[in-house]
């Protein structure tokens, strides 16, 4: 399974969020922020 950099960082972030136990709202906010930063 090959992931591009955006997918890989996205996956790493969601793993991190799960470990931290962030709410779904906070997670979606951070993910959209990450997507803006990556572009």
Protein backbone atom coordinates (compact mmCIF):
# COMPACT_ATOMS: atom_id res chain seq x y z
CA UNK A 1 0.00 0.00 0.00
CA UNK A 2 1.68 3.17 -1.20
CA UNK A 3 0.58 6.50 0.16
CA UNK A 4 1.63 9.88 -1.10
CA UNK A 5 3.01 12.43 1.35
CA UNK A 6 -0.32 14.13 1.99
CA UNK A 7 -2.05 10.83 2.70
CA UNK A 8 0.81 9.65 4.88
CA UNK A 9 0.85 12.83 6.99
CA UNK A 10 -2.94 12.74 7.11
CA UNK A 11 -2.81 9.16 8.38
CA UNK A 12 -0.07 10.01 10.90
CA UNK A 13 -2.11 12.95 12.15
CA UNK A 14 -5.26 10.92 12.59
CA UNK A 15 -3.29 8.26 14.48
CA UNK A 16 -1.86 10.98 16.69
CA UNK A 17 -5.31 12.47 17.29
CA UNK A 18 -6.71 9.08 18.26
CA UNK A 19 -3.90 8.65 20.77
CA UNK A 20 -4.55 12.12 22.19
CA UNK A 21 -8.28 11.46 22.24
CA UNK A 22 -9.29 14.66 20.48
CA UNK A 23 -12.92 15.14 19.57
CA UNK A 24 -14.03 14.58 15.99
CA UNK A 25 -14.58 18.32 15.58
CA UNK A 26 -11.08 19.19 16.75
CA UNK A 27 -9.67 16.44 14.55
CA UNK A 28 -11.48 17.70 11.45
CA UNK A 29 -10.32 21.25 12.17
CA UNK A 30 -6.69 20.14 12.44
CA UNK A 31 -6.95 18.01 9.33
CA UNK A 32 -8.28 20.88 7.24
CA UNK A 33 -5.51 23.09 8.63
CA UNK A 34 -2.89 20.48 7.73
CA UNK A 35 -4.28 20.22 4.19
CA UNK A 36 -3.96 24.01 3.79
CA UNK A 37 -0.39 23.94 5.11
CA UNK A 38 0.66 21.09 2.82
CA UNK A 39 -0.51 22.81 -0.36
